[in-house]
Protein backbone atom coordinates (compact mmCIF):
# COMPACT_ATOMS: atom_id res chain seq x y z
CA MET A 1 28.15 13.42 24.92
CA ALA A 2 27.12 13.82 21.25
CA SER A 3 23.42 14.15 20.56
CA ARG A 4 21.73 11.35 18.68
CA VAL A 5 20.48 11.91 15.17
CA SER A 6 16.70 12.08 15.12
CA GLU A 7 15.02 8.81 14.30
CA ARG A 8 13.36 10.28 11.22
CA ALA A 9 15.07 12.72 8.92
CA PRO A 10 12.98 15.66 7.72
CA ASP A 11 11.13 15.21 4.45
CA VAL A 12 12.08 17.04 1.27
CA THR A 13 10.01 18.02 -1.76
CA LEU A 14 10.51 16.20 -5.04
CA LYS A 15 9.00 17.95 -8.05
CA ILE A 16 7.57 15.92 -10.92
CA PRO A 17 5.55 17.04 -13.94
CA ARG A 18 1.82 17.39 -13.18
CA PRO A 19 0.76 15.02 -16.01
CA LEU A 20 2.97 12.30 -14.50
CA TYR A 21 1.51 12.97 -11.05
CA GLU A 22 -2.01 12.65 -12.43
CA GLN A 23 -1.13 9.42 -14.29
CA LEU A 24 0.33 7.97 -11.09
CA GLY A 25 -2.88 8.89 -9.30
CA GLN A 26 -4.79 6.78 -11.84
CA VAL A 27 -2.28 3.93 -11.57
CA ILE A 28 -2.64 3.66 -7.78
CA ASP A 29 -6.44 3.90 -7.75
CA GLY A 30 -7.74 0.84 -5.91
CA THR A 31 -4.29 -0.50 -4.99
CA GLY A 32 -4.14 0.36 -1.32
CA PHE A 33 -1.67 3.21 -1.70
CA ARG A 34 -3.11 6.26 0.05
CA SER A 35 -1.33 8.84 -2.09
CA VAL A 36 0.98 9.36 -5.04
CA THR A 37 3.67 10.34 -2.53
CA GLU A 38 3.31 7.03 -0.66
CA PHE A 39 3.57 5.14 -3.96
CA ALA A 40 6.59 7.17 -5.11
CA VAL A 41 8.40 6.55 -1.82
CA TYR A 42 7.62 2.82 -2.11
CA VAL A 43 8.96 2.64 -5.68
CA LEU A 44 12.08 4.66 -4.87
CA ARG A 45 12.85 2.54 -1.79
CA ASP A 46 12.44 -0.58 -3.93
CA LEU A 47 14.81 0.84 -6.53
CA VAL A 48 17.42 1.66 -3.90
CA ALA A 49 16.99 -1.78 -2.31
CA SER A 50 17.51 -3.45 -5.68
CA HIS A 51 20.96 -1.87 -5.69
CA GLY A 52 21.81 -3.55 -2.39
CA ALA A 53 21.65 -0.62 0.03
CA ASP A 54 19.14 1.68 1.66
CA ALA A 55 19.25 5.48 1.42
CA SER A 56 21.78 5.63 4.28
CA GLY A 57 24.14 3.27 2.47
CA ALA A 58 23.45 0.40 4.87
CA PRO A 59 22.87 -3.06 3.37
CA ALA A 60 19.26 -3.75 2.41
CA GLU A 61 17.22 -5.89 4.80
CA GLN A 62 15.50 -9.05 3.64
CA LEU A 63 11.73 -8.81 3.32
CA SER A 64 9.54 -11.04 5.44
CA ARG A 65 7.10 -13.49 3.84
CA GLU A 66 4.23 -11.12 4.74
CA GLU A 67 6.00 -8.16 3.11
CA LEU A 68 6.68 -10.17 -0.05
CA ASP A 69 3.02 -11.22 -0.21
CA ALA A 70 1.95 -7.57 0.20
CA VAL A 71 4.27 -6.53 -2.64
CA ARG A 72 2.89 -9.28 -4.88
CA ARG A 73 -0.70 -8.20 -4.13
CA ARG A 74 0.13 -4.59 -4.96
CA LEU A 75 1.92 -5.52 -8.18
CA GLU A 76 -1.02 -7.72 -9.20
CA ALA A 77 -3.44 -4.87 -8.48
CA LEU A 78 -1.30 -2.64 -10.69
CA GLY A 79 -1.40 -5.23 -13.47
CA TYR A 80 2.31 -6.10 -13.40
CA LEU A 81 1.81 -9.75 -12.38
C-alpha cells in the first residue's frame, strides 16, 4: 500500500530584501500578526485564493463569517479599510 503524503509539507525559505522585511515589521506592529513570516504567508495565501485555487491547485474554500470578520479587523488595523 502506498504511503500517505505527510499532512504538512516541509517549509522552504523565501528571501526578500532586508529593507522590505523591516518595513513589513513596522506594518504589522499592533495588528495581531506574530511575525513578518506569518504576515507574508497570510498575504500569499490570500493572493493564491484570489486566483481561485490553493497552493495544491485545489479550489479555494469559502471563508466563514468569523474568518471574514478577522480579515476585516486586520485590514482595518493596517489602515486599508
